[in-house]
Amino acid sequence: MKTLLIMCVARHATTTVVRSQIEEWLKNEGLTSSVSIKQSSCRARNGKY
């Protein structure tokens, strides 16, 4: 399984929008079981996700 990490620096809702679009694309391609998606903010997590 692949892991996709979506990071945001500005702590806006950008990562949430991007994640939902990627999840929809993965579903359409039949790849949801092949990819794990994690999202985080650089400022909020300080390197941890």
Protein backbone atom coordinates (compact mmCIF):
# COMPACT_ATOMS: atom_id res chain seq x y z
CA MET A 1 0.00 0.00 0.00
CA LYS A 2 1.19 3.48 -0.88
CA THR A 3 0.83 6.43 1.50
CA LEU A 4 0.04 9.87 0.19
CA LEU A 5 0.77 12.76 2.53
CA ILE A 6 -0.98 16.06 1.83
CA MET A 7 0.63 18.96 3.69
CA CYS A 8 -0.45 22.55 4.13
CA VAL A 9 1.75 25.33 5.41
CA ALA A 10 -0.86 28.05 5.88
CA ARG A 11 -3.37 25.96 7.90
CA HIS A 12 -6.24 26.70 5.55
CA ALA A 13 -8.85 24.25 4.32
CA THR A 14 -6.79 23.63 1.18
CA THR A 15 -5.64 20.18 2.27
CA THR A 16 -9.22 19.11 2.97
CA VAL A 17 -10.33 20.19 -0.51
CA VAL A 18 -7.36 18.50 -2.16
CA ARG A 19 -7.88 15.34 -0.12
CA SER A 20 -11.53 15.06 -1.12
CA GLN A 21 -10.66 15.53 -4.80
CA ILE A 22 -7.92 12.90 -4.62
CA GLU A 23 -10.20 10.47 -2.78
CA GLU A 24 -12.86 10.92 -5.47
CA TRP A 25 -10.30 10.33 -8.22
CA LEU A 26 -8.95 7.21 -6.47
CA LYS A 27 -12.48 5.87 -6.10
CA ASN A 28 -13.22 6.44 -9.79
CA GLU A 29 -9.99 4.66 -10.73
CA GLY A 30 -10.63 1.76 -8.33
CA LEU A 31 -7.49 2.49 -6.30
CA THR A 32 -8.93 3.27 -2.85
CA SER A 33 -7.59 0.05 -1.35
CA SER A 34 -4.10 0.73 -2.74
CA VAL A 35 -3.52 4.20 -1.27
CA SER A 36 -3.66 5.51 2.28
CA ILE A 37 -4.10 9.29 2.54
CA LYS A 38 -2.87 11.37 5.44
CA GLN A 39 -3.18 15.10 5.76
CA SER A 40 -1.55 17.54 8.10
CA SER A 41 -0.35 21.05 8.61
CA CYS A 42 3.34 21.80 9.02
CA ARG A 43 2.63 24.40 11.67
CA ALA A 44 -0.02 22.42 13.55
CA ARG A 45 1.88 19.16 13.78
CA ASN A 46 5.52 20.19 13.73
CA GLY A 47 6.51 17.25 11.57
CA LYS A 48 4.05 14.68 12.97
CA TYR A 49 1.02 13.43 11.09
